[in-house]
Amino acid sequence: MGSGAIVVQLSQPFMIDSMRLLLWDTDARSYSYYVEVSIDQQHWNIVADKRKEFCRSWQILRFPRRPVVFIRIVGTYNSANEVFHCVHFECPAQVSNVDSETLNEHTISEAIDEDEIGALVGLSDEKIEIEAEEV
């Protein structure tokens, strides 16, 4: 945190309106972060601003549909140390077996079991999944 970001580059522009990421959740720590998107790495738009929130576990990010090539996730706070831990990232996110209208605007409740989270459906034939233990 304070020295970098997680940047994902899609193979071409895609119309995106959601993402899902898993923050390290094996203890009680919480995170703050924001997510920006761009089509040229010059002009960035914030699609999720969680800098004033204490977030845990799965995060569902929803925003107005827009063309995206680059995604930048910037960790701004970790209650346990100085590292932002994004364990899993998906783009786009599709939630099944859960009424998406009842979800918080950006965050899925921790009470929803991972088995209830649906599979990814990519735009065109592409889907993005990134897994890392520590970033």
C-alpha atoms as a PDB file:
ATOM      1  CA  MET A   1       0.000   0.000   0.000  1.00  0.00           C
ATOM      2  CA  GLY A   2       1.229   3.448  -0.828  1.00  0.00           C
ATOM      3  CA  SER A   3       3.742   2.094  -3.317  1.00  0.00           C
ATOM      4  CA  GLY A   4       1.849   0.372  -6.101  1.00  0.00           C
ATOM      5  CA  ALA A   5      -1.307  -1.191  -7.426  1.00  0.00           C
ATOM      6  CA  ILE A   6      -2.657  -4.367  -8.962  1.00  0.00           C
ATOM      7  CA  VAL A   7      -3.179  -3.716 -12.672  1.00  0.00           C
ATOM      8  CA  VAL A   8      -5.038  -6.114 -14.967  1.00  0.00           C
ATOM      9  CA  GLN A   9      -4.972  -5.694 -18.748  1.00  0.00           C
ATOM     10  CA  LEU A  10      -7.759  -7.277 -20.791  1.00  0.00           C
ATOM     11  CA  SER A  11      -6.905  -8.572 -24.273  1.00  0.00           C
ATOM     12  CA  GLN A  12      -9.219  -6.018 -25.935  1.00  0.00           C
ATOM     13  CA  PRO A  13     -11.869  -3.502 -24.879  1.00  0.00           C
ATOM     14  CA  PHE A  14     -14.866  -5.148 -23.219  1.00  0.00           C
ATOM     15  CA  MET A  15     -18.097  -3.633 -21.968  1.00  0.00           C
ATOM     16  CA  ILE A  16     -17.892  -4.269 -18.215  1.00  0.00           C
ATOM     17  CA  ASP A  17     -20.291  -3.429 -15.386  1.00  0.00           C
ATOM     18  CA  SER A  18     -19.102  -5.649 -12.536  1.00  0.00           C
ATOM     19  CA  MET A  19     -16.137  -7.258 -10.812  1.00  0.00           C
ATOM     20  CA  ARG A  20     -15.702  -9.563  -7.856  1.00  0.00           C
ATOM     21  CA  LEU A  21     -12.693  -9.835  -5.591  1.00  0.00           C
ATOM     22  CA  LEU A  22     -11.842 -11.751  -2.464  1.00  0.00           C
ATOM     23  CA  LEU A  23      -9.892  -9.996   0.261  1.00  0.00           C
ATOM     24  CA  TRP A  24      -7.842 -12.130   2.649  1.00  0.00           C
ATOM     25  CA  ASP A  25     -10.374 -13.329   5.222  1.00  0.00           C
ATOM     26  CA  THR A  26      -8.744 -15.934   7.455  1.00  0.00           C
ATOM     27  CA  ASP A  27      -8.697 -13.509  10.377  1.00  0.00           C
ATOM     28  CA  ALA A  28     -10.539 -10.370  11.496  1.00  0.00           C
ATOM     29  CA  ARG A  29      -8.552  -7.851   9.446  1.00  0.00           C
ATOM     30  CA  SER A  30     -10.236  -5.315   7.194  1.00  0.00           C
ATOM     31  CA  TYR A  31      -9.154  -3.375   4.123  1.00  0.00           C
ATOM     32  CA  SER A  32      -9.844  -0.120   2.339  1.00  0.00           C
ATOM     33  CA  TYR A  33      -9.252   0.313  -1.395  1.00  0.00           C
ATOM     34  CA  TYR A  34     -10.464   1.804  -4.637  1.00  0.00           C
ATOM     35  CA  VAL A  35     -10.754   0.493  -8.198  1.00  0.00           C
ATOM     36  CA  GLU A  36     -10.200   2.459 -11.383  1.00  0.00           C
ATOM     37  CA  VAL A  37     -10.712   1.495 -15.028  1.00  0.00           C
ATOM     38  CA  SER A  38      -9.249   2.864 -18.231  1.00  0.00           C
ATOM     39  CA  ILE A  39      -9.148   2.171 -21.940  1.00  0.00           C
ATOM     40  CA  ASP A  40      -5.740   3.809 -22.510  1.00  0.00           C
ATOM     41  CA  GLN A  41      -3.870   3.878 -19.142  1.00  0.00           C
ATOM     42  CA  GLN A  42      -3.896   7.680 -19.380  1.00  0.00           C
ATOM     43  CA  HIS A  43      -7.437   8.524 -18.320  1.00  0.00           C
ATOM     44  CA  TRP A  44      -8.751   6.613 -15.290  1.00  0.00           C
ATOM     45  CA  ASN A  45     -12.267   6.524 -13.830  1.00  0.00           C
ATOM     46  CA  ILE A  46     -13.010   5.344 -10.304  1.00  0.00           C
ATOM     47  CA  VAL A  47     -15.712   2.653 -10.367  1.00  0.00           C
ATOM     48  CA  ALA A  48     -15.514   1.695  -6.676  1.00  0.00           C
ATOM     49  CA  ASP A  49     -14.323   3.882  -3.802  1.00  0.00           C
ATOM     50  CA  LYS A  50     -13.942   1.971  -0.549  1.00  0.00           C
ATOM     51  CA  ARG A  51     -11.332   4.273   1.008  1.00  0.00           C
ATOM     52  CA  LYS A  52     -13.637   5.238   3.901  1.00  0.00           C
ATOM     53  CA  GLU A  53     -14.965   1.716   4.492  1.00  0.00           C
ATOM     54  CA  PHE A  54     -13.575  -1.314   6.313  1.00  0.00           C
ATOM     55  CA  CYS A  55     -14.076  -4.204   3.895  1.00  0.00           C
ATOM     56  CA  ARG A  56     -13.722  -7.939   4.390  1.00  0.00           C
ATOM     57  CA  SER A  57     -14.078 -11.119   2.357  1.00  0.00           C
ATOM     58  CA  TRP A  58     -15.937 -11.114  -0.994  1.00  0.00           C
ATOM     59  CA  GLN A  59     -16.547  -7.791  -2.702  1.00  0.00           C
ATOM     60  CA  ILE A  60     -19.008  -7.380  -5.570  1.00  0.00           C
ATOM     61  CA  LEU A  61     -18.376  -4.159  -7.472  1.00  0.00           C
ATOM     62  CA  ARG A  62     -21.141  -2.862  -9.736  1.00  0.00           C
ATOM     63  CA  PHE A  63     -20.988   0.277 -11.835  1.00  0.00           C
ATOM     64  CA  PRO A  64     -22.467   1.717 -15.050  1.00  0.00           C
ATOM     65  CA  ARG A  65     -21.498  -0.387 -18.071  1.00  0.00           C
ATOM     66  CA  ARG A  66     -18.430   1.032 -19.796  1.00  0.00           C
ATOM     67  CA  PRO A  67     -15.595  -0.011 -22.120  1.00  0.00           C
ATOM     68  CA  VAL A  68     -12.609  -1.325 -20.135  1.00  0.00           C
ATOM     69  CA  VAL A  69      -9.118  -2.490 -21.073  1.00  0.00           C
ATOM     70  CA  PHE A  70      -7.209  -1.766 -17.838  1.00  0.00           C
ATOM     71  CA  ILE A  71      -8.301  -2.319 -14.238  1.00  0.00           C
ATOM     72  CA  ARG A  72      -6.317  -0.851 -11.345  1.00  0.00           C
ATOM     73  CA  ILE A  73      -6.950  -1.982  -7.742  1.00  0.00           C
ATOM     74  CA  VAL A  74      -5.281   0.251  -5.151  1.00  0.00           C
ATOM     75  CA  GLY A  75      -5.148  -0.843  -1.510  1.00  0.00           C
ATOM     76  CA  THR A  76      -5.183   2.073   0.930  1.00  0.00           C
ATOM     77  CA  TYR A  77      -5.539   0.376   4.333  1.00  0.00           C
ATOM     78  CA  ASN A  78      -5.012  -2.967   6.066  1.00  0.00           C
ATOM     79  CA  SER A  79      -5.867  -3.235   9.771  1.00  0.00           C
ATOM     80  CA  ALA A  80      -3.169  -5.907  10.301  1.00  0.00           C
ATOM     81  CA  ASN A  81      -0.136  -4.761   8.258  1.00  0.00           C
ATOM     82  CA  GLU A  82       0.948  -2.731   5.230  1.00  0.00           C
ATOM     83  CA  VAL A  83       0.099  -5.238   2.476  1.00  0.00           C
ATOM     84  CA  PHE A  84      -3.084  -5.386   0.395  1.00  0.00           C
ATOM     85  CA  HIS A  85      -4.113  -9.030  -0.036  1.00  0.00           C
ATOM     86  CA  CYS A  86      -6.331  -9.682  -3.053  1.00  0.00           C
ATOM     87  CA  VAL A  87      -6.712 -13.463  -3.065  1.00  0.00           C
ATOM     88  CA  HIS A  88      -9.071 -13.793  -6.044  1.00  0.00           C
ATOM     89  CA  PHE A  89     -10.295 -11.436  -8.800  1.00  0.00           C
ATOM     90  CA  GLU A  90     -12.990 -11.962 -11.428  1.00  0.00           C
ATOM     91  CA  CYS A  91     -14.225  -9.758 -14.230  1.00  0.00           C
ATOM     92  CA  PRO A  92     -17.102  -9.643 -14.932  1.00  0.00           C
ATOM     93  CA  ALA A  93     -18.886 -10.970 -11.853  1.00  0.00           C
ATOM     94  CA  GLN A  94     -22.176 -12.798 -12.097  1.00  0.00           C
ATOM     95  CA  VAL A  95     -23.994 -13.835  -8.960  1.00  0.00           C
ATOM     96  CA  SER A  96     -26.537 -16.637  -9.207  1.00  0.00           C
ATOM     97  CA  ASN A  97     -28.853 -18.090  -6.571  1.00  0.00           C
ATOM     98  CA  VAL A  98     -28.847 -14.658  -4.931  1.00  0.00           C
ATOM     99  CA  ASP A  99     -31.192 -11.833  -5.845  1.00  0.00           C
ATOM    100  CA  SER A 100     -28.691  -9.267  -7.120  1.00  0.00           C
ATOM    101  CA  GLU A 101     -31.170  -6.462  -6.417  1.00  0.00           C
ATOM    102  CA  THR A 102     -30.892  -7.175  -2.694  1.00  0.00           C
ATOM    103  CA  LEU A 103     -27.103  -6.911  -2.692  1.00  0.00           C
ATOM    104  CA  ASN A 104     -25.425  -3.838  -1.342  1.00  0.00           C
ATOM    105  CA  GLU A 105     -24.436  -1.510  -4.188  1.00  0.00           C
ATOM    106  CA  HIS A 106     -20.824  -2.697  -4.091  1.00  0.00           C
ATOM    107  CA  THR A 107     -20.381  -5.453  -1.503  1.00  0.00           C
ATOM    108  CA  ILE A 108     -21.794  -8.923  -1.080  1.00  0.00           C
ATOM    109  CA  SER A 109     -22.642  -9.949   2.466  1.00  0.00           C
ATOM    110  CA  GLU A 110     -20.178 -12.244   4.212  1.00  0.00           C
ATOM    111  CA  ALA A 111     -23.163 -14.378   5.208  1.00  0.00           C
ATOM    112  CA  ILE A 112     -23.538 -15.633   1.639  1.00  0.00           C
ATOM    113  CA  ASP A 113     -21.641 -18.894   1.250  1.00  0.00           C
ATOM    114  CA  GLU A 114     -19.147 -19.227  -1.617  1.00  0.00           C
ATOM    115  CA  ASP A 115     -21.183 -22.170  -2.962  1.00  0.00           C
ATOM    116  CA  GLU A 116     -24.006 -19.719  -3.613  1.00  0.00           C
ATOM    117  CA  ILE A 117     -21.807 -17.573  -5.833  1.00  0.00           C
ATOM    118  CA  GLY A 118     -22.352 -18.439  -9.468  1.00  0.00           C
ATOM    119  CA  ALA A 119     -19.857 -19.148 -12.213  1.00  0.00           C
ATOM    120  CA  LEU A 120     -18.307 -16.431 -14.320  1.00  0.00           C
ATOM    121  CA  VAL A 121     -19.786 -15.512 -17.642  1.00  0.00           C
ATOM    122  CA  GLY A 122     -17.300 -13.664 -19.821  1.00  0.00           C
ATOM    123  CA  LEU A 123     -18.096 -11.034 -22.393  1.00  0.00           C
ATOM    124  CA  SER A 124     -17.384 -12.571 -25.773  1.00  0.00           C
ATOM    125  CA  ASP A 125     -15.507 -15.749 -24.886  1.00  0.00           C
ATOM    126  CA  GLU A 126     -13.126 -14.198 -22.385  1.00  0.00           C
ATOM    127  CA  LYS A 127     -13.118 -14.457 -18.634  1.00  0.00           C
ATOM    128  CA  ILE A 128     -10.499 -13.106 -16.273  1.00  0.00           C
ATOM    129  CA  GLU A 129      -9.527 -14.881 -13.070  1.00  0.00           C
ATOM    130  CA  ILE A 130      -6.493 -13.984 -11.027  1.00  0.00           C
ATOM    131  CA  GLU A 131      -5.472 -15.749  -7.846  1.00  0.00           C
ATOM    132  CA  ALA A 132      -2.620 -14.754  -5.596  1.00  0.00           C
ATOM    133  CA  GLU A 133      -1.778 -15.285  -1.972  1.00  0.00           C
ATOM    134  CA  GLU A 134      -0.169 -11.903  -1.478  1.00  0.00           C
ATOM    135  CA  VAL A 135       0.099  -8.931  -3.786  1.00  0.00           C
END
